[in-house]
Amino acid sequence: MKTITSTEFFEISRKDAISIIRIKRNVFDFICDIELSGELLNFIKNIKGNTEIKVLLFYNDPDCVNEEQYDNFIERIKCKIDEGHQLAPNIEENDIRFREINILNRFIKALANLNLIVASGIQGSIVTPFVGLALVADFIYAQKGTKFIMAHNKYGLHPSGGLPFFLSSSLHHSMAMEFQMKEFFTAEEAYEMGLINKILPEQDFLNNLIRETEKFSNYKHSTIQQTKRLTNFSRKSLDDYFEMEARILNL
């Protein structure tokens, strides 16, 4: 496996026809930085025309997108919660909050529009905004013991990262609502409902991810491309969804 780029926040490597993005740490600092996130976003967009790459695999280091990271982010932007929990909290640093939402949405749209196989690997605990990012993938793998934390409920925030869109596309309306209203749900629950493809062992996570995805390298690029275009037809409304979110939040 060859390392292409490595920063404090992410690492890009390649193994044969698989490009691999590892999300390392300080994910909220990274996602709110236009320049740093732009470097990774440009990489994703640029591989779209590379016929040698057939799979984009992205995964997170354990607990780099957990509830502690989310809590620290909310505290940093000085979230003030209404005592009755009836109103959305006051965000003093609205520019940071809106930047986080907009940049994350750009990543989701870029991944959704790729004409190659996109796979996500989740390990540890993952909070609301990044659950949606994981669910945009064509194939979704979770390490045993992974938890999906619905952290937005704790602060009276909306479920960002396209979470309602992806859950309602995969589940009946009532189940999509139920999952969003949970404190958290497990990888086992997600697998039973068909939200993820497979639960992988705790050991040797990256190599297991590579073994799961390298089989797609045997397909011709043209087959992958046309299959993605046709299967993505049902996601044409994703842009409309994000536009509605922007109107609701006055982004």
C-alpha atoms as a PDB file:
ATOM      1  CA  MET A   1       0.000   0.000   0.000  1.00  0.00           C
ATOM      2  CA  LYS A   2       1.438   3.361  -1.061  1.00  0.00           C
ATOM      3  CA  THR A   3       0.848   6.574   0.918  1.00  0.00           C
ATOM      4  CA  ILE A   4       0.017   9.521  -1.349  1.00  0.00           C
ATOM      5  CA  THR A   5      -0.765  12.308   1.133  1.00  0.00           C
ATOM      6  CA  SER A   6      -0.663  12.486   4.907  1.00  0.00           C
ATOM      7  CA  THR A   7      -1.768  15.389   7.111  1.00  0.00           C
ATOM      8  CA  GLU A   8      -2.680  15.827  10.756  1.00  0.00           C
ATOM      9  CA  PHE A   9      -6.307  15.149   9.874  1.00  0.00           C
ATOM     10  CA  PHE A  10      -6.353  12.604   7.062  1.00  0.00           C
ATOM     11  CA  GLU A  11      -4.230  10.231   5.027  1.00  0.00           C
ATOM     12  CA  ILE A  12      -4.676   9.151   1.420  1.00  0.00           C
ATOM     13  CA  SER A  13      -3.143   5.910   0.187  1.00  0.00           C
ATOM     14  CA  ARG A  14      -3.605   3.466  -2.653  1.00  0.00           C
ATOM     15  CA  LYS A  15      -3.585  -0.278  -3.033  1.00  0.00           C
ATOM     16  CA  ASP A  16      -3.884  -1.344  -6.663  1.00  0.00           C
ATOM     17  CA  ALA A  17      -7.292  -0.102  -7.892  1.00  0.00           C
ATOM     18  CA  ILE A  18      -8.433   1.041  -4.440  1.00  0.00           C
ATOM     19  CA  SER A  19      -7.969   4.595  -3.162  1.00  0.00           C
ATOM     20  CA  ILE A  20      -8.128   4.744   0.633  1.00  0.00           C
ATOM     21  CA  ILE A  21      -8.959   7.757   2.796  1.00  0.00           C
ATOM     22  CA  ARG A  22      -8.253   7.465   6.501  1.00  0.00           C
ATOM     23  CA  ILE A  23      -9.863  10.079   8.766  1.00  0.00           C
ATOM     24  CA  LYS A  24      -7.430  10.456  11.655  1.00  0.00           C
ATOM     25  CA  ARG A  25      -8.348  13.058  14.278  1.00  0.00           C
ATOM     26  CA  ASN A  26      -9.841  16.472  15.125  1.00  0.00           C
ATOM     27  CA  VAL A  27     -12.574  15.864  12.606  1.00  0.00           C
ATOM     28  CA  PHE A  28     -14.631  18.929  13.524  1.00  0.00           C
ATOM     29  CA  ASP A  29     -11.596  21.211  13.215  1.00  0.00           C
ATOM     30  CA  PHE A  30     -10.931  19.698   9.820  1.00  0.00           C
ATOM     31  CA  ILE A  31     -14.490  19.835   8.498  1.00  0.00           C
ATOM     32  CA  CYS A  32     -14.792  23.531   9.430  1.00  0.00           C
ATOM     33  CA  ASP A  33     -11.565  24.544   7.654  1.00  0.00           C
ATOM     34  CA  ILE A  34     -12.225  25.513   4.041  1.00  0.00           C
ATOM     35  CA  GLU A  35      -8.615  25.122   2.902  1.00  0.00           C
ATOM     36  CA  LEU A  36      -7.872  21.793   4.600  1.00  0.00           C
ATOM     37  CA  SER A  37     -11.181  20.183   3.713  1.00  0.00           C
ATOM     38  CA  GLY A  38     -10.889  21.595   0.191  1.00  0.00           C
ATOM     39  CA  GLU A  39      -7.700  19.600  -0.381  1.00  0.00           C
ATOM     40  CA  LEU A  40      -9.494  16.337   0.361  1.00  0.00           C
ATOM     41  CA  LEU A  41     -12.618  17.374  -1.514  1.00  0.00           C
ATOM     42  CA  ASN A  42     -10.556  18.144  -4.621  1.00  0.00           C
ATOM     43  CA  PHE A  43      -8.939  14.716  -4.425  1.00  0.00           C
ATOM     44  CA  ILE A  44     -12.368  13.048  -4.365  1.00  0.00           C
ATOM     45  CA  LYS A  45     -13.569  15.080  -7.324  1.00  0.00           C
ATOM     46  CA  ASN A  46     -10.387  14.512  -9.334  1.00  0.00           C
ATOM     47  CA  ILE A  47     -10.442  10.705  -9.137  1.00  0.00           C
ATOM     48  CA  LYS A  48     -13.809  10.716 -10.900  1.00  0.00           C
ATOM     49  CA  GLY A  49     -12.078  10.586 -14.277  1.00  0.00           C
ATOM     50  CA  ASN A  50      -9.362   8.108 -13.307  1.00  0.00           C
ATOM     51  CA  THR A  51     -10.293   4.771 -14.874  1.00  0.00           C
ATOM     52  CA  GLU A  52      -7.489   3.011 -12.966  1.00  0.00           C
ATOM     53  CA  ILE A  53      -9.340   3.607  -9.693  1.00  0.00           C
ATOM     54  CA  LYS A  54     -12.395   1.428  -9.250  1.00  0.00           C
ATOM     55  CA  VAL A  55     -13.003   1.753  -5.504  1.00  0.00           C
ATOM     56  CA  LEU A  56     -12.844   4.643  -3.060  1.00  0.00           C
ATOM     57  CA  LEU A  57     -12.701   3.351   0.510  1.00  0.00           C
ATOM     58  CA  PHE A  58     -12.924   5.774   3.422  1.00  0.00           C
ATOM     59  CA  TYR A  59     -12.793   4.922   7.103  1.00  0.00           C
ATOM     60  CA  ASN A  60     -12.316   6.586  10.479  1.00  0.00           C
ATOM     61  CA  ASP A  61      -9.847   5.935  13.246  1.00  0.00           C
ATOM     62  CA  PRO A  62     -11.563   4.781  16.466  1.00  0.00           C
ATOM     63  CA  ASP A  63     -13.409   7.557  18.294  1.00  0.00           C
ATOM     64  CA  CYS A  64     -12.290  10.443  16.073  1.00  0.00           C
ATOM     65  CA  VAL A  65     -15.985  11.144  15.351  1.00  0.00           C
ATOM     66  CA  ASN A  66     -17.374  10.221  18.763  1.00  0.00           C
ATOM     67  CA  GLU A  67     -19.638  12.061  21.217  1.00  0.00           C
ATOM     68  CA  GLU A  68     -16.713  13.659  23.044  1.00  0.00           C
ATOM     69  CA  GLN A  69     -15.550  15.289  19.810  1.00  0.00           C
ATOM     70  CA  TYR A  70     -19.109  16.473  19.153  1.00  0.00           C
ATOM     71  CA  ASP A  71     -19.499  17.859  22.695  1.00  0.00           C
ATOM     72  CA  ASN A  72     -16.208  19.755  22.397  1.00  0.00           C
ATOM     73  CA  PHE A  73     -17.321  21.241  19.097  1.00  0.00           C
ATOM     74  CA  ILE A  74     -20.672  22.398  20.483  1.00  0.00           C
ATOM     75  CA  GLU A  75     -18.958  23.895  23.529  1.00  0.00           C
ATOM     76  CA  ARG A  76     -16.507  25.723  21.280  1.00  0.00           C
ATOM     77  CA  ILE A  77     -19.264  27.431  19.331  1.00  0.00           C
ATOM     78  CA  LYS A  78     -20.968  28.304  22.640  1.00  0.00           C
ATOM     79  CA  CYS A  79     -24.246  26.488  22.336  1.00  0.00           C
ATOM     80  CA  LYS A  80     -26.840  27.743  24.816  1.00  0.00           C
ATOM     81  CA  ILE A  81     -29.667  25.331  25.379  1.00  0.00           C
ATOM     82  CA  ASP A  82     -33.166  26.471  26.235  1.00  0.00           C
ATOM     83  CA  GLU A  83     -34.043  25.093  29.677  1.00  0.00           C
ATOM     84  CA  GLY A  84     -37.337  23.711  28.444  1.00  0.00           C
ATOM     85  CA  HIS A  85     -35.695  22.071  25.429  1.00  0.00           C
ATOM     86  CA  GLN A  86     -38.514  23.457  23.282  1.00  0.00           C
ATOM     87  CA  LEU A  87     -36.389  25.746  21.140  1.00  0.00           C
ATOM     88  CA  ALA A  88     -33.257  25.167  19.110  1.00  0.00           C
ATOM     89  CA  PRO A  89     -30.124  26.299  20.981  1.00  0.00           C
ATOM     90  CA  ASN A  90     -28.545  29.672  20.311  1.00  0.00           C
ATOM     91  CA  ILE A  91     -25.307  29.267  18.388  1.00  0.00           C
ATOM     92  CA  GLU A  92     -23.082  32.296  18.867  1.00  0.00           C
ATOM     93  CA  GLU A  93     -20.562  31.135  16.263  1.00  0.00           C
ATOM     94  CA  ASN A  94     -23.050  30.648  13.442  1.00  0.00           C
ATOM     95  CA  ASP A  95     -20.385  30.957  10.753  1.00  0.00           C
ATOM     96  CA  ILE A  96     -18.552  27.920  12.139  1.00  0.00           C
ATOM     97  CA  ARG A  97     -21.756  25.887  12.494  1.00  0.00           C
ATOM     98  CA  PHE A  98     -22.918  26.748   8.974  1.00  0.00           C
ATOM     99  CA  ARG A  99     -19.457  26.026   7.565  1.00  0.00           C
ATOM    100  CA  GLU A 100     -19.527  22.584   9.206  1.00  0.00           C
ATOM    101  CA  ILE A 101     -22.921  21.798   7.652  1.00  0.00           C
ATOM    102  CA  ASN A 102     -22.092  23.152   4.193  1.00  0.00           C
ATOM    103  CA  ILE A 103     -18.679  21.505   3.877  1.00  0.00           C
ATOM    104  CA  LEU A 104     -19.966  18.149   5.099  1.00  0.00           C
ATOM    105  CA  ASN A 105     -22.822  18.361   2.594  1.00  0.00           C
ATOM    106  CA  ARG A 106     -20.308  19.029  -0.185  1.00  0.00           C
ATOM    107  CA  PHE A 107     -18.435  15.847   0.737  1.00  0.00           C
ATOM    108  CA  ILE A 108     -21.666  13.855   0.727  1.00  0.00           C
ATOM    109  CA  LYS A 109     -22.678  15.166  -2.702  1.00  0.00           C
ATOM    110  CA  ALA A 110     -19.195  14.556  -4.120  1.00  0.00           C
ATOM    111  CA  LEU A 111     -19.218  10.946  -2.889  1.00  0.00           C
ATOM    112  CA  ALA A 112     -22.771  10.394  -4.142  1.00  0.00           C
ATOM    113  CA  ASN A 113     -21.791  11.544  -7.634  1.00  0.00           C
ATOM    114  CA  LEU A 114     -18.661   9.406  -8.026  1.00  0.00           C
ATOM    115  CA  ASN A 115     -18.773   6.952 -10.911  1.00  0.00           C
ATOM    116  CA  LEU A 116     -16.881   4.267  -9.005  1.00  0.00           C
ATOM    117  CA  ILE A 117     -17.577   2.023  -6.026  1.00  0.00           C
ATOM    118  CA  VAL A 118     -17.653   3.948  -2.748  1.00  0.00           C
ATOM    119  CA  ALA A 119     -17.234   1.993   0.490  1.00  0.00           C
ATOM    120  CA  SER A 120     -17.207   3.245   4.067  1.00  0.00           C
ATOM    121  CA  GLY A 121     -15.727   1.647   7.166  1.00  0.00           C
ATOM    122  CA  ILE A 122     -16.956   2.675  10.612  1.00  0.00           C
ATOM    123  CA  GLN A 123     -15.366   1.831  13.929  1.00  0.00           C
ATOM    124  CA  GLY A 124     -15.866   3.020  17.487  1.00  0.00           C
ATOM    125  CA  SER A 125     -18.658   5.538  18.121  1.00  0.00           C
ATOM    126  CA  ILE A 126     -19.883   7.812  15.341  1.00  0.00           C
ATOM    127  CA  VAL A 127     -22.119  10.847  15.871  1.00  0.00           C
ATOM    128  CA  THR A 128     -25.043  12.118  13.823  1.00  0.00           C
ATOM    129  CA  PRO A 129     -23.366  14.309  11.160  1.00  0.00           C
ATOM    130  CA  PHE A 130     -20.966  11.555  10.146  1.00  0.00           C
ATOM    131  CA  VAL A 131     -23.520   8.748  10.198  1.00  0.00           C
ATOM    132  CA  GLY A 132     -25.028  10.377   7.112  1.00  0.00           C
ATOM    133  CA  LEU A 133     -21.593  10.608   5.519  1.00  0.00           C
ATOM    134  CA  ALA A 134     -21.081   6.874   6.074  1.00  0.00           C
ATOM    135  CA  LEU A 135     -24.531   6.026   4.681  1.00  0.00           C
ATOM    136  CA  VAL A 136     -23.842   7.743   1.343  1.00  0.00           C
ATOM    137  CA  ALA A 137     -21.496   4.861   0.437  1.00  0.00           C
ATOM    138  CA  ASP A 138     -22.499   2.001  -1.862  1.00  0.00           C
ATOM    139  CA  PHE A 139     -21.149  -0.545   0.621  1.00  0.00           C
ATOM    140  CA  ILE A 140     -21.047   0.100   4.357  1.00  0.00           C
ATOM    141  CA  TYR A 141     -19.010  -1.938   6.830  1.00  0.00           C
ATOM    142  CA  ALA A 142     -18.898  -1.511  10.598  1.00  0.00           C
ATOM    143  CA  GLN A 143     -16.520  -2.955  13.136  1.00  0.00           C
ATOM    144  CA  LYS A 144     -18.096  -5.132  15.810  1.00  0.00           C
ATOM    145  CA  GLY A 145     -19.128  -2.950  18.753  1.00  0.00           C
ATOM    146  CA  THR A 146     -19.696   0.192  16.674  1.00  0.00           C
ATOM    147  CA  LYS A 147     -22.374   2.582  17.948  1.00  0.00           C
ATOM    148  CA  PHE A 148     -24.289   5.206  15.976  1.00  0.00           C
ATOM    149  CA  ILE A 149     -24.893   8.115  18.362  1.00  0.00           C
ATOM    150  CA  MET A 150     -27.865  10.398  17.652  1.00  0.00           C
ATOM    151  CA  ALA A 151     -26.075  13.314  19.327  1.00  0.00           C
ATOM    152  CA  HIS A 152     -28.310  15.985  17.770  1.00  0.00           C
ATOM    153  CA  ASN A 153     -31.157  14.989  20.113  1.00  0.00           C
ATOM    154  CA  LYS A 154     -29.047  15.899  23.143  1.00  0.00           C
ATOM    155  CA  TYR A 155     -28.699  19.509  21.985  1.00  0.00           C
ATOM    156  CA  GLY A 156     -32.026  20.102  20.265  1.00  0.00           C
ATOM    157  CA  LEU A 157     -30.346  20.299  16.843  1.00  0.00           C
ATOM    158  CA  HIS A 158     -31.601  18.906  13.571  1.00  0.00           C
ATOM    159  CA  PRO A 159     -30.144  15.597  12.280  1.00  0.00           C
ATOM    160  CA  SER A 160     -27.532  16.904   9.843  1.00  0.00           C
ATOM    161  CA  GLY A 161     -25.290  15.101   7.385  1.00  0.00           C
ATOM    162  CA  GLY A 162     -28.278  14.007   5.284  1.00  0.00           C
ATOM    163  CA  LEU A 163     -29.263  11.466   7.931  1.00  0.00           C
ATOM    164  CA  PRO A 164     -33.070  11.770   7.426  1.00  0.00           C
ATOM    165  CA  PHE A 165     -32.609  11.463   3.655  1.00  0.00           C
ATOM    166  CA  PHE A 166     -30.576   8.260   3.810  1.00  0.00           C
ATOM    167  CA  LEU A 167     -32.609   6.612   6.573  1.00  0.00           C
ATOM    168  CA  SER A 168     -35.925   7.340   4.883  1.00  0.00           C
ATOM    169  CA  SER A 169     -34.508   6.009   1.601  1.00  0.00           C
ATOM    170  CA  SER A 170     -33.577   2.715   3.260  1.00  0.00           C
ATOM    171  CA  LEU A 171     -36.303   2.217   5.869  1.00  0.00           C
ATOM    172  CA  HIS A 172     -40.032   2.675   6.218  1.00  0.00           C
ATOM    173  CA  HIS A 173     -40.898   6.198   7.374  1.00  0.00           C
ATOM    174  CA  SER A 174     -41.813   5.027  10.866  1.00  0.00           C
ATOM    175  CA  MET A 175     -38.548   3.103  11.304  1.00  0.00           C
ATOM    176  CA  ALA A 176     -36.507   6.022   9.955  1.00  0.00           C
ATOM    177  CA  MET A 177     -38.146   8.243  12.561  1.00  0.00           C
ATOM    178  CA  GLU A 178     -37.625   5.670  15.322  1.00  0.00           C
ATOM    179  CA  PHE A 179     -33.900   5.330  14.600  1.00  0.00           C
ATOM    180  CA  GLN A 180     -33.429   9.124  14.609  1.00  0.00           C
ATOM    181  CA  MET A 181     -35.197   9.421  17.955  1.00  0.00           C
ATOM    182  CA  LYS A 182     -32.971   6.842  19.652  1.00  0.00           C
ATOM    183  CA  GLU A 183     -30.110   7.835  21.911  1.00  0.00           C
ATOM    184  CA  PHE A 184     -27.980   5.455  19.854  1.00  0.00           C
ATOM    185  CA  PHE A 185     -28.238   2.249  17.882  1.00  0.00           C
ATOM    186  CA  THR A 186     -25.713  -0.533  17.424  1.00  0.00           C
ATOM    187  CA  ALA A 187     -24.024  -2.028  14.386  1.00  0.00           C
ATOM    188  CA  GLU A 188     -26.057  -5.182  14.989  1.00  0.00           C
ATOM    189  CA  GLU A 189     -29.326  -3.219  14.838  1.00  0.00           C
ATOM    190  CA  ALA A 190     -28.165  -1.423  11.701  1.00  0.00           C
ATOM    191  CA  TYR A 191     -27.262  -4.733  10.056  1.00  0.00           C
ATOM    192  CA  GLU A 192     -30.605  -6.314  10.936  1.00  0.00           C
ATOM    193  CA  MET A 193     -32.417  -3.385   9.295  1.00  0.00           C
ATOM    194  CA  GLY A 194     -30.240  -3.531   6.179  1.00  0.00           C
ATOM    195  CA  LEU A 195     -28.474  -0.217   6.787  1.00  0.00           C
ATOM    196  CA  ILE A 196     -24.991  -1.759   6.597  1.00  0.00           C
ATOM    197  CA  ASN A 197     -23.613  -4.622   4.533  1.00  0.00           C
ATOM    198  CA  LYS A 198     -21.452  -6.434   7.044  1.00  0.00           C
ATOM    199  CA  ILE A 199     -20.060  -6.375  10.580  1.00  0.00           C
ATOM    200  CA  LEU A 200     -16.309  -6.953  10.634  1.00  0.00           C
ATOM    201  CA  PRO A 201     -14.144  -8.321  13.481  1.00  0.00           C
ATOM    202  CA  GLU A 202     -12.473  -5.901  15.884  1.00  0.00           C
ATOM    203  CA  GLN A 203      -8.986  -6.999  14.841  1.00  0.00           C
ATOM    204  CA  ASP A 204      -7.251  -5.998  11.598  1.00  0.00           C
ATOM    205  CA  PHE A 205     -10.020  -3.614  10.539  1.00  0.00           C
ATOM    206  CA  LEU A 206      -8.315  -1.992   7.541  1.00  0.00           C
ATOM    207  CA  ASN A 207      -7.142  -5.264   6.009  1.00  0.00           C
ATOM    208  CA  ASN A 208     -10.630  -6.680   6.412  1.00  0.00           C
ATOM    209  CA  LEU A 209     -12.040  -3.633   4.650  1.00  0.00           C
ATOM    210  CA  ILE A 210      -9.589  -4.052   1.795  1.00  0.00           C
ATOM    211  CA  ARG A 211     -10.446  -7.739   1.440  1.00  0.00           C
ATOM    212  CA  GLU A 212     -14.152  -6.877   1.283  1.00  0.00           C
ATOM    213  CA  THR A 213     -13.705  -4.221  -1.399  1.00  0.00           C
ATOM    214  CA  GLU A 214     -10.891  -5.505  -3.608  1.00  0.00           C
ATOM    215  CA  LYS A 215     -13.249  -8.005  -5.244  1.00  0.00           C
ATOM    216  CA  PHE A 216     -14.854  -5.057  -7.034  1.00  0.00           C
ATOM    217  CA  SER A 217     -11.557  -4.441  -8.814  1.00  0.00           C
ATOM    218  CA  ASN A 218     -12.339  -7.388 -11.076  1.00  0.00           C
ATOM    219  CA  TYR A 219     -15.207  -5.513 -12.720  1.00  0.00           C
ATOM    220  CA  LYS A 220     -14.670  -3.338 -15.762  1.00  0.00           C
ATOM    221  CA  HIS A 221     -14.740   0.396 -15.097  1.00  0.00           C
ATOM    222  CA  SER A 222     -17.543   0.807 -17.647  1.00  0.00           C
ATOM    223  CA  THR A 223     -19.729  -1.700 -15.783  1.00  0.00           C
ATOM    224  CA  ILE A 224     -19.175   0.081 -12.477  1.00  0.00           C
ATOM    225  CA  GLN A 225     -19.793   3.487 -14.054  1.00  0.00           C
ATOM    226  CA  GLN A 226     -23.084   2.608 -15.715  1.00  0.00           C
ATOM    227  CA  THR A 227     -24.339   0.658 -12.688  1.00  0.00           C
ATOM    228  CA  LYS A 228     -23.633   3.673 -10.482  1.00  0.00           C
ATOM    229  CA  ARG A 229     -25.371   6.077 -12.841  1.00  0.00           C
ATOM    230  CA  LEU A 230     -28.517   3.983 -12.971  1.00  0.00           C
ATOM    231  CA  THR A 231     -28.596   3.114  -9.272  1.00  0.00           C
ATOM    232  CA  ASN A 232     -28.017   6.751  -8.338  1.00  0.00           C
ATOM    233  CA  PHE A 233     -31.176   7.779 -10.195  1.00  0.00           C
ATOM    234  CA  SER A 234     -33.135   7.427  -6.953  1.00  0.00           C
ATOM    235  CA  ARG A 235     -30.746   9.906  -5.317  1.00  0.00           C
ATOM    236  CA  LYS A 236     -31.456  12.730  -7.731  1.00  0.00           C
ATOM    237  CA  SER A 237     -33.480  14.419  -5.002  1.00  0.00           C
ATOM    238  CA  LEU A 238     -30.425  14.703  -2.704  1.00  0.00           C
ATOM    239  CA  ASP A 239     -29.665  18.204  -3.983  1.00  0.00           C
ATOM    240  CA  ASP A 240     -33.277  19.222  -3.359  1.00  0.00           C
ATOM    241  CA  TYR A 241     -33.009  17.835   0.179  1.00  0.00           C
ATOM    242  CA  PHE A 242     -29.926  19.921   0.972  1.00  0.00           C
ATOM    243  CA  GLU A 243     -31.571  23.011  -0.542  1.00  0.00           C
ATOM    244  CA  MET A 244     -34.563  22.520   1.743  1.00  0.00           C
ATOM    245  CA  GLU A 245     -32.229  22.108   4.735  1.00  0.00           C
ATOM    246  CA  ALA A 246     -30.487  25.374   3.784  1.00  0.00           C
ATOM    247  CA  ARG A 247     -33.826  27.222   3.592  1.00  0.00           C
ATOM    248  CA  ILE A 248     -34.943  25.888   6.987  1.00  0.00           C
ATOM    249  CA  LEU A 249     -31.656  26.934   8.631  1.00  0.00           C
ATOM    250  CA  ASN A 250     -31.221  30.169   6.643  1.00  0.00           C
ATOM    251  CA  LEU A 251     -27.802  29.003   5.476  1.00  0.00           C
END
